[in-house]
Amino acid sequence: METQKFAAMVAALERKAELLDDIIAVINLQAKFNYCLELNNTDRIVNELFAQRDPEVRCEIADTGIYVGIESIRRFWNARHNIQSIRGYLGTVMLETPHVQISKDGTHARGIWHAFGPNSVPVNQHKVKQASGERAKLTATWYMGKYQNEYVKEDGEWRIKSLHALKYMQCPYDQSWVEAPDVYRFAPPVSECSPDKPGSGHFPYDPATQNSILPSAHEPRGLVY
């Protein structure tokens, strides 16, 4: 009996160690996405971080709509690469409050993070004149949002199955989010690419309503779902 109890205890500890290894791997994967994002390494984002064989792999960032399939995601990030290549662009996003869960079979995961950062982006509300006409002015902004992502194992490595970045406010540094809560659009020009599906919703902060900063933590609580 004691031998059976010991064996069961060892098996439980091994399972918990595997679970914690998976959680750390998912957290590192999401961190790698953010590091690639701020360096504009969009090829690495598509080729190394997203699932390559899952037909339902998808990407949605704020107001962009939903891109489904790895080739659609590639078109989106190629378009974003051009936008993020302008002189002075800064897209730093810091990850906070991770809540990661692993599926019982160890092949899928889901995670939520708060995201916050100082950005320098072209804002259409502020324009500058140049010889070829007006263009959006590079503007320092504060960004706040959340990631609500899903992950899948491919060949033993964790990959992003669904990237969903929700934006709750992006305001100029010299104006509050009450005054100007949503001054930037992530969606590339339609001439460069268009989504496969409408977005699931873009609900930035509104000082005139009761705001719900969703999603909340996963239910049920715990490390496994």
C-alpha atoms as a PDB file:
ATOM      1  CA  MET A   1       0.000   0.000   0.000  1.00  0.00           C
ATOM      2  CA  GLU A   2       2.799   2.396   0.940  1.00  0.00           C
ATOM      3  CA  THR A   3       4.495   1.641  -2.371  1.00  0.00           C
ATOM      4  CA  GLN A   4       1.283   2.443  -4.237  1.00  0.00           C
ATOM      5  CA  LYS A   5       0.887   5.733  -2.355  1.00  0.00           C
ATOM      6  CA  PHE A   6       4.480   6.676  -3.091  1.00  0.00           C
ATOM      7  CA  ALA A   7       4.090   5.843  -6.782  1.00  0.00           C
ATOM      8  CA  ALA A   8       0.898   7.925  -6.944  1.00  0.00           C
ATOM      9  CA  MET A   9       2.644  10.828  -5.228  1.00  0.00           C
ATOM     10  CA  VAL A  10       5.555  10.671  -7.677  1.00  0.00           C
ATOM     11  CA  ALA A  11       3.165  10.555 -10.631  1.00  0.00           C
ATOM     12  CA  ALA A  12       1.274  13.586  -9.291  1.00  0.00           C
ATOM     13  CA  LEU A  13       4.505  15.534  -8.817  1.00  0.00           C
ATOM     14  CA  GLU A  14       5.670  14.633 -12.325  1.00  0.00           C
ATOM     15  CA  ARG A  15       2.359  15.826 -13.756  1.00  0.00           C
ATOM     16  CA  LYS A  16       2.597  19.087 -11.835  1.00  0.00           C
ATOM     17  CA  ALA A  17       6.167  19.616 -13.030  1.00  0.00           C
ATOM     18  CA  GLU A  18       5.065  19.048 -16.642  1.00  0.00           C
ATOM     19  CA  LEU A  19       2.197  21.464 -16.106  1.00  0.00           C
ATOM     20  CA  LEU A  20       4.485  24.171 -14.715  1.00  0.00           C
ATOM     21  CA  ASP A  21       6.945  23.629 -17.576  1.00  0.00           C
ATOM     22  CA  ASP A  22       4.086  24.174 -20.044  1.00  0.00           C
ATOM     23  CA  ILE A  23       2.909  27.331 -18.274  1.00  0.00           C
ATOM     24  CA  ILE A  24       6.427  28.798 -18.299  1.00  0.00           C
ATOM     25  CA  ALA A  25       6.780  27.911 -21.983  1.00  0.00           C
ATOM     26  CA  VAL A  26       3.501  29.698 -22.837  1.00  0.00           C
ATOM     27  CA  ILE A  27       4.515  32.778 -20.834  1.00  0.00           C
ATOM     28  CA  ASN A  28       7.871  32.833 -22.636  1.00  0.00           C
ATOM     29  CA  LEU A  29       6.149  32.420 -26.009  1.00  0.00           C
ATOM     30  CA  GLN A  30       3.964  35.442 -25.357  1.00  0.00           C
ATOM     31  CA  ALA A  31       6.985  37.422 -24.159  1.00  0.00           C
ATOM     32  CA  LYS A  32       8.836  36.481 -27.344  1.00  0.00           C
ATOM     33  CA  PHE A  33       5.896  37.788 -29.381  1.00  0.00           C
ATOM     34  CA  ASN A  34       6.146  41.147 -27.622  1.00  0.00           C
ATOM     35  CA  TYR A  35       9.909  41.352 -28.098  1.00  0.00           C
ATOM     36  CA  CYS A  36       9.510  40.583 -31.808  1.00  0.00           C
ATOM     37  CA  LEU A  37       6.702  43.125 -32.049  1.00  0.00           C
ATOM     38  CA  GLU A  38       8.698  46.019 -30.646  1.00  0.00           C
ATOM     39  CA  LEU A  39      11.634  45.143 -32.958  1.00  0.00           C
ATOM     40  CA  ASN A  40       9.246  44.848 -35.945  1.00  0.00           C
ATOM     41  CA  ASN A  41      10.394  41.252 -36.564  1.00  0.00           C
ATOM     42  CA  THR A  42       7.087  40.356 -38.167  1.00  0.00           C
ATOM     43  CA  ASP A  43       8.519  37.469 -40.220  1.00  0.00           C
ATOM     44  CA  ARG A  44       9.573  35.763 -36.981  1.00  0.00           C
ATOM     45  CA  ILE A  45       6.142  36.418 -35.479  1.00  0.00           C
ATOM     46  CA  VAL A  46       4.464  34.591 -38.368  1.00  0.00           C
ATOM     47  CA  ASN A  47       7.003  31.827 -39.002  1.00  0.00           C
ATOM     48  CA  GLU A  48       8.148  31.001 -35.466  1.00  0.00           C
ATOM     49  CA  LEU A  49       5.333  31.926 -33.103  1.00  0.00           C
ATOM     50  CA  PHE A  50       2.024  31.154 -34.848  1.00  0.00           C
ATOM     51  CA  ALA A  51       0.725  27.625 -35.445  1.00  0.00           C
ATOM     52  CA  GLN A  52       1.607  26.618 -38.998  1.00  0.00           C
ATOM     53  CA  ARG A  53      -0.740  23.686 -39.643  1.00  0.00           C
ATOM     54  CA  ASP A  54      -3.914  24.600 -37.776  1.00  0.00           C
ATOM     55  CA  PRO A  55      -6.509  25.859 -40.311  1.00  0.00           C
ATOM     56  CA  GLU A  56      -8.242  27.851 -37.548  1.00  0.00           C
ATOM     57  CA  VAL A  57      -5.148  29.805 -36.516  1.00  0.00           C
ATOM     58  CA  ARG A  58      -6.227  33.436 -36.226  1.00  0.00           C
ATOM     59  CA  CYS A  59      -5.180  36.959 -35.363  1.00  0.00           C
ATOM     60  CA  GLU A  60      -7.242  39.949 -34.235  1.00  0.00           C
ATOM     61  CA  ILE A  61      -5.816  43.183 -32.853  1.00  0.00           C
ATOM     62  CA  ALA A  62      -8.252  45.826 -31.622  1.00  0.00           C
ATOM     63  CA  ASP A  63     -10.145  47.121 -34.690  1.00  0.00           C
ATOM     64  CA  THR A  64      -8.425  45.006 -37.373  1.00  0.00           C
ATOM     65  CA  GLY A  65     -11.052  42.326 -37.868  1.00  0.00           C
ATOM     66  CA  ILE A  66     -10.118  38.628 -37.786  1.00  0.00           C
ATOM     67  CA  TYR A  67      -7.491  37.059 -40.042  1.00  0.00           C
ATOM     68  CA  VAL A  68      -7.872  33.273 -40.347  1.00  0.00           C
ATOM     69  CA  GLY A  69      -5.200  30.915 -41.665  1.00  0.00           C
ATOM     70  CA  ILE A  70      -1.451  31.377 -41.685  1.00  0.00           C
ATOM     71  CA  GLU A  71      -1.326  33.043 -45.124  1.00  0.00           C
ATOM     72  CA  SER A  72      -3.927  35.642 -44.144  1.00  0.00           C
ATOM     73  CA  ILE A  73      -1.992  36.271 -40.952  1.00  0.00           C
ATOM     74  CA  ARG A  74       1.169  36.673 -43.035  1.00  0.00           C
ATOM     75  CA  ARG A  75      -0.521  39.321 -45.228  1.00  0.00           C
ATOM     76  CA  PHE A  76      -1.656  41.188 -42.131  1.00  0.00           C
ATOM     77  CA  TRP A  77       1.783  41.255 -40.530  1.00  0.00           C
ATOM     78  CA  ASN A  78       3.442  42.229 -43.810  1.00  0.00           C
ATOM     79  CA  ALA A  79       1.120  45.239 -43.906  1.00  0.00           C
ATOM     80  CA  ARG A  80       1.793  46.041 -40.248  1.00  0.00           C
ATOM     81  CA  HIS A  81       5.537  45.768 -40.916  1.00  0.00           C
ATOM     82  CA  ASN A  82       5.303  48.611 -43.425  1.00  0.00           C
ATOM     83  CA  ILE A  83       3.359  50.775 -40.968  1.00  0.00           C
ATOM     84  CA  GLN A  84       5.772  50.021 -38.140  1.00  0.00           C
ATOM     85  CA  SER A  85       8.806  50.800 -40.316  1.00  0.00           C
ATOM     86  CA  ILE A  86       8.200  54.553 -40.406  1.00  0.00           C
ATOM     87  CA  ARG A  87      10.856  56.665 -38.735  1.00  0.00           C
ATOM     88  CA  GLY A  88      10.137  57.216 -35.057  1.00  0.00           C
ATOM     89  CA  TYR A  89       7.556  54.420 -34.629  1.00  0.00           C
ATOM     90  CA  LEU A  90       7.565  52.897 -31.139  1.00  0.00           C
ATOM     91  CA  GLY A  91       5.304  49.990 -30.178  1.00  0.00           C
ATOM     92  CA  THR A  92       6.404  48.930 -26.714  1.00  0.00           C
ATOM     93  CA  VAL A  93       3.888  46.813 -24.781  1.00  0.00           C
ATOM     94  CA  MET A  94       4.612  45.502 -21.278  1.00  0.00           C
ATOM     95  CA  LEU A  95       2.917  42.272 -20.168  1.00  0.00           C
ATOM     96  CA  GLU A  96       1.437  42.063 -16.681  1.00  0.00           C
ATOM     97  CA  THR A  97      -0.788  39.799 -14.523  1.00  0.00           C
ATOM     98  CA  PRO A  98      -0.498  36.574 -16.563  1.00  0.00           C
ATOM     99  CA  HIS A  99      -3.248  34.003 -16.060  1.00  0.00           C
ATOM    100  CA  VAL A 100      -2.372  30.823 -17.975  1.00  0.00           C
ATOM    101  CA  GLN A 101      -4.175  27.488 -17.991  1.00  0.00           C
ATOM    102  CA  ILE A 102      -3.270  24.206 -19.704  1.00  0.00           C
ATOM    103  CA  SER A 103      -5.794  21.725 -21.086  1.00  0.00           C
ATOM    104  CA  LYS A 104      -6.087  18.349 -19.359  1.00  0.00           C
ATOM    105  CA  ASP A 105      -4.449  16.567 -22.294  1.00  0.00           C
ATOM    106  CA  GLY A 106      -1.550  19.058 -22.339  1.00  0.00           C
ATOM    107  CA  THR A 107      -1.992  20.045 -25.996  1.00  0.00           C
ATOM    108  CA  HIS A 108      -3.812  23.384 -25.684  1.00  0.00           C
ATOM    109  CA  ALA A 109      -3.533  26.413 -23.443  1.00  0.00           C
ATOM    110  CA  ARG A 110      -5.153  29.790 -22.904  1.00  0.00           C
ATOM    111  CA  GLY A 111      -3.854  32.960 -21.350  1.00  0.00           C
ATOM    112  CA  ILE A 112      -4.844  36.490 -20.388  1.00  0.00           C
ATOM    113  CA  TRP A 113      -2.470  39.405 -19.820  1.00  0.00           C
ATOM    114  CA  HIS A 114      -2.824  43.100 -19.132  1.00  0.00           C
ATOM    115  CA  ALA A 115      -0.851  45.132 -21.659  1.00  0.00           C
ATOM    116  CA  PHE A 116       0.440  48.661 -21.131  1.00  0.00           C
ATOM    117  CA  GLY A 117       3.035  50.809 -22.817  1.00  0.00           C
ATOM    118  CA  PRO A 118       4.302  54.090 -24.284  1.00  0.00           C
ATOM    119  CA  ASN A 119       3.863  54.218 -28.073  1.00  0.00           C
ATOM    120  CA  SER A 120       4.794  56.603 -30.880  1.00  0.00           C
ATOM    121  CA  VAL A 121       2.298  56.113 -33.705  1.00  0.00           C
ATOM    122  CA  PRO A 122       0.882  58.073 -36.671  1.00  0.00           C
ATOM    123  CA  VAL A 123      -2.393  59.617 -35.503  1.00  0.00           C
ATOM    124  CA  ASN A 124      -4.820  60.867 -38.142  1.00  0.00           C
ATOM    125  CA  GLN A 125      -6.446  63.416 -35.825  1.00  0.00           C
ATOM    126  CA  HIS A 126      -3.114  65.252 -35.824  1.00  0.00           C
ATOM    127  CA  LYS A 127      -1.733  65.935 -39.301  1.00  0.00           C
ATOM    128  CA  VAL A 128       1.355  67.633 -40.664  1.00  0.00           C
ATOM    129  CA  LYS A 129       1.778  69.200 -44.086  1.00  0.00           C
ATOM    130  CA  GLN A 130       4.418  68.040 -46.534  1.00  0.00           C
ATOM    131  CA  ALA A 131       5.113  68.518 -50.221  1.00  0.00           C
ATOM    132  CA  SER A 132       2.990  65.513 -51.219  1.00  0.00           C
ATOM    133  CA  GLY A 133       0.079  66.548 -48.984  1.00  0.00           C
ATOM    134  CA  GLU A 134      -0.983  65.990 -45.402  1.00  0.00           C
ATOM    135  CA  ARG A 135       0.023  62.918 -43.450  1.00  0.00           C
ATOM    136  CA  ALA A 136      -0.713  61.565 -39.999  1.00  0.00           C
ATOM    137  CA  LYS A 137       1.543  63.066 -37.366  1.00  0.00           C
ATOM    138  CA  LEU A 138       3.795  60.869 -35.242  1.00  0.00           C
ATOM    139  CA  THR A 139       2.254  61.187 -31.781  1.00  0.00           C
ATOM    140  CA  ALA A 140       3.358  59.952 -28.360  1.00  0.00           C
ATOM    141  CA  THR A 141       0.550  57.920 -26.782  1.00  0.00           C
ATOM    142  CA  TRP A 142      -0.248  55.758 -23.773  1.00  0.00           C
ATOM    143  CA  TYR A 143      -1.712  52.351 -24.619  1.00  0.00           C
ATOM    144  CA  MET A 144      -3.673  49.968 -22.394  1.00  0.00           C
ATOM    145  CA  GLY A 145      -5.361  46.704 -23.294  1.00  0.00           C
ATOM    146  CA  LYS A 146      -5.454  42.954 -22.730  1.00  0.00           C
ATOM    147  CA  TYR A 147      -4.389  39.827 -24.563  1.00  0.00           C
ATOM    148  CA  GLN A 148      -6.876  36.946 -24.622  1.00  0.00           C
ATOM    149  CA  ASN A 149      -5.000  34.189 -26.420  1.00  0.00           C
ATOM    150  CA  GLU A 150      -5.128  30.484 -27.176  1.00  0.00           C
ATOM    151  CA  TYR A 151      -2.131  28.230 -27.782  1.00  0.00           C
ATOM    152  CA  VAL A 152      -1.516  24.787 -29.255  1.00  0.00           C
ATOM    153  CA  LYS A 153       1.401  22.345 -29.277  1.00  0.00           C
ATOM    154  CA  GLU A 154       2.898  21.565 -32.680  1.00  0.00           C
ATOM    155  CA  ASP A 155       5.701  18.995 -32.769  1.00  0.00           C
ATOM    156  CA  GLY A 156       6.101  19.400 -29.020  1.00  0.00           C
ATOM    157  CA  GLU A 157       6.476  23.212 -29.182  1.00  0.00           C
ATOM    158  CA  TRP A 158       3.913  25.757 -28.045  1.00  0.00           C
ATOM    159  CA  ARG A 159       2.551  28.031 -30.778  1.00  0.00           C
ATOM    160  CA  ILE A 160      -0.079  30.771 -30.905  1.00  0.00           C
ATOM    161  CA  LYS A 161      -3.417  29.430 -32.131  1.00  0.00           C
ATOM    162  CA  SER A 162      -5.446  32.585 -31.563  1.00  0.00           C
ATOM    163  CA  LEU A 163      -3.989  36.033 -30.883  1.00  0.00           C
ATOM    164  CA  HIS A 164      -6.638  38.476 -29.678  1.00  0.00           C
ATOM    165  CA  ALA A 165      -5.386  41.847 -28.464  1.00  0.00           C
ATOM    166  CA  LEU A 166      -8.108  44.080 -27.027  1.00  0.00           C
ATOM    167  CA  LYS A 167      -7.469  47.803 -26.753  1.00  0.00           C
ATOM    168  CA  TYR A 168      -9.173  49.796 -23.996  1.00  0.00           C
ATOM    169  CA  MET A 169      -7.524  53.128 -24.543  1.00  0.00           C
ATOM    170  CA  GLN A 170      -4.802  54.848 -26.528  1.00  0.00           C
ATOM    171  CA  CYS A 171      -4.507  58.521 -25.736  1.00  0.00           C
ATOM    172  CA  PRO A 172      -1.913  61.221 -26.495  1.00  0.00           C
ATOM    173  CA  TYR A 173       0.527  61.637 -23.610  1.00  0.00           C
ATOM    174  CA  ASP A 174      -0.607  65.251 -23.126  1.00  0.00           C
ATOM    175  CA  GLN A 175      -4.316  64.337 -23.018  1.00  0.00           C
ATOM    176  CA  SER A 176      -6.054  61.928 -20.669  1.00  0.00           C
ATOM    177  CA  TRP A 177      -8.036  58.862 -21.727  1.00  0.00           C
ATOM    178  CA  VAL A 178     -11.132  60.751 -20.615  1.00  0.00           C
ATOM    179  CA  GLU A 179     -10.405  63.469 -23.184  1.00  0.00           C
ATOM    180  CA  ALA A 180      -9.145  61.316 -26.081  1.00  0.00           C
ATOM    181  CA  PRO A 181      -9.419  57.587 -25.322  1.00  0.00           C
ATOM    182  CA  ASP A 182      -9.012  56.091 -28.819  1.00  0.00           C
ATOM    183  CA  VAL A 183      -6.823  58.036 -31.259  1.00  0.00           C
ATOM    184  CA  TYR A 184      -5.137  55.218 -33.201  1.00  0.00           C
ATOM    185  CA  ARG A 185      -6.287  52.460 -35.535  1.00  0.00           C
ATOM    186  CA  PHE A 186      -4.298  49.238 -35.909  1.00  0.00           C
ATOM    187  CA  ALA A 187      -6.091  48.123 -39.082  1.00  0.00           C
ATOM    188  CA  PRO A 188      -3.888  48.456 -42.191  1.00  0.00           C
ATOM    189  CA  PRO A 189      -5.318  50.203 -45.277  1.00  0.00           C
ATOM    190  CA  VAL A 190      -7.851  48.025 -47.099  1.00  0.00           C
ATOM    191  CA  SER A 191      -5.710  48.429 -50.225  1.00  0.00           C
ATOM    192  CA  GLU A 192      -2.999  46.374 -48.508  1.00  0.00           C
ATOM    193  CA  CYS A 193      -5.064  43.652 -46.838  1.00  0.00           C
ATOM    194  CA  SER A 194      -8.527  42.983 -45.478  1.00  0.00           C
ATOM    195  CA  PRO A 195      -9.739  40.579 -42.759  1.00  0.00           C
ATOM    196  CA  ASP A 196     -11.455  37.263 -43.370  1.00  0.00           C
ATOM    197  CA  LYS A 197     -14.133  37.930 -40.734  1.00  0.00           C
ATOM    198  CA  PRO A 198     -15.555  40.957 -38.944  1.00  0.00           C
ATOM    199  CA  GLY A 199     -14.002  41.690 -35.592  1.00  0.00           C
ATOM    200  CA  SER A 200     -15.450  40.277 -32.390  1.00  0.00           C
ATOM    201  CA  GLY A 201     -15.850  43.792 -30.998  1.00  0.00           C
ATOM    202  CA  HIS A 202     -13.829  46.933 -30.349  1.00  0.00           C
ATOM    203  CA  PHE A 203     -14.973  48.697 -27.191  1.00  0.00           C
ATOM    204  CA  PRO A 204     -12.522  51.379 -26.087  1.00  0.00           C
ATOM    205  CA  TYR A 205     -12.968  53.298 -22.867  1.00  0.00           C
ATOM    206  CA  ASP A 206     -15.916  55.695 -22.923  1.00  0.00           C
ATOM    207  CA  PRO A 207     -16.237  58.262 -20.109  1.00  0.00           C
ATOM    208  CA  ALA A 208     -19.983  58.431 -20.700  1.00  0.00           C
ATOM    209  CA  THR A 209     -20.706  54.754 -19.935  1.00  0.00           C
ATOM    210  CA  GLN A 210     -20.089  52.077 -17.302  1.00  0.00           C
ATOM    211  CA  ASN A 211     -16.976  50.390 -18.668  1.00  0.00           C
ATOM    212  CA  SER A 212     -16.312  46.648 -18.365  1.00  0.00           C
ATOM    213  CA  ILE A 213     -12.621  45.847 -18.804  1.00  0.00           C
ATOM    214  CA  LEU A 214     -13.207  42.317 -20.036  1.00  0.00           C
ATOM    215  CA  PRO A 215     -12.187  39.525 -20.235  1.00  0.00           C
ATOM    216  CA  SER A 216     -11.891  38.568 -16.600  1.00  0.00           C
ATOM    217  CA  ALA A 217      -9.876  35.653 -15.240  1.00  0.00           C
ATOM    218  CA  HIS A 218     -10.677  32.206 -16.632  1.00  0.00           C
ATOM    219  CA  GLU A 219     -13.229  29.987 -14.949  1.00  0.00           C
ATOM    220  CA  PRO A 220     -12.877  27.579 -13.327  1.00  0.00           C
ATOM    221  CA  ARG A 221      -9.810  28.885 -11.513  1.00  0.00           C
ATOM    222  CA  GLY A 222      -6.703  26.760 -11.330  1.00  0.00           C
ATOM    223  CA  LEU A 223      -3.912  25.623 -13.642  1.00  0.00           C
ATOM    224  CA  VAL A 224      -5.943  23.119 -15.694  1.00  0.00           C
ATOM    225  CA  TYR A 225      -9.136  23.407 -17.720  1.00  0.00           C
END
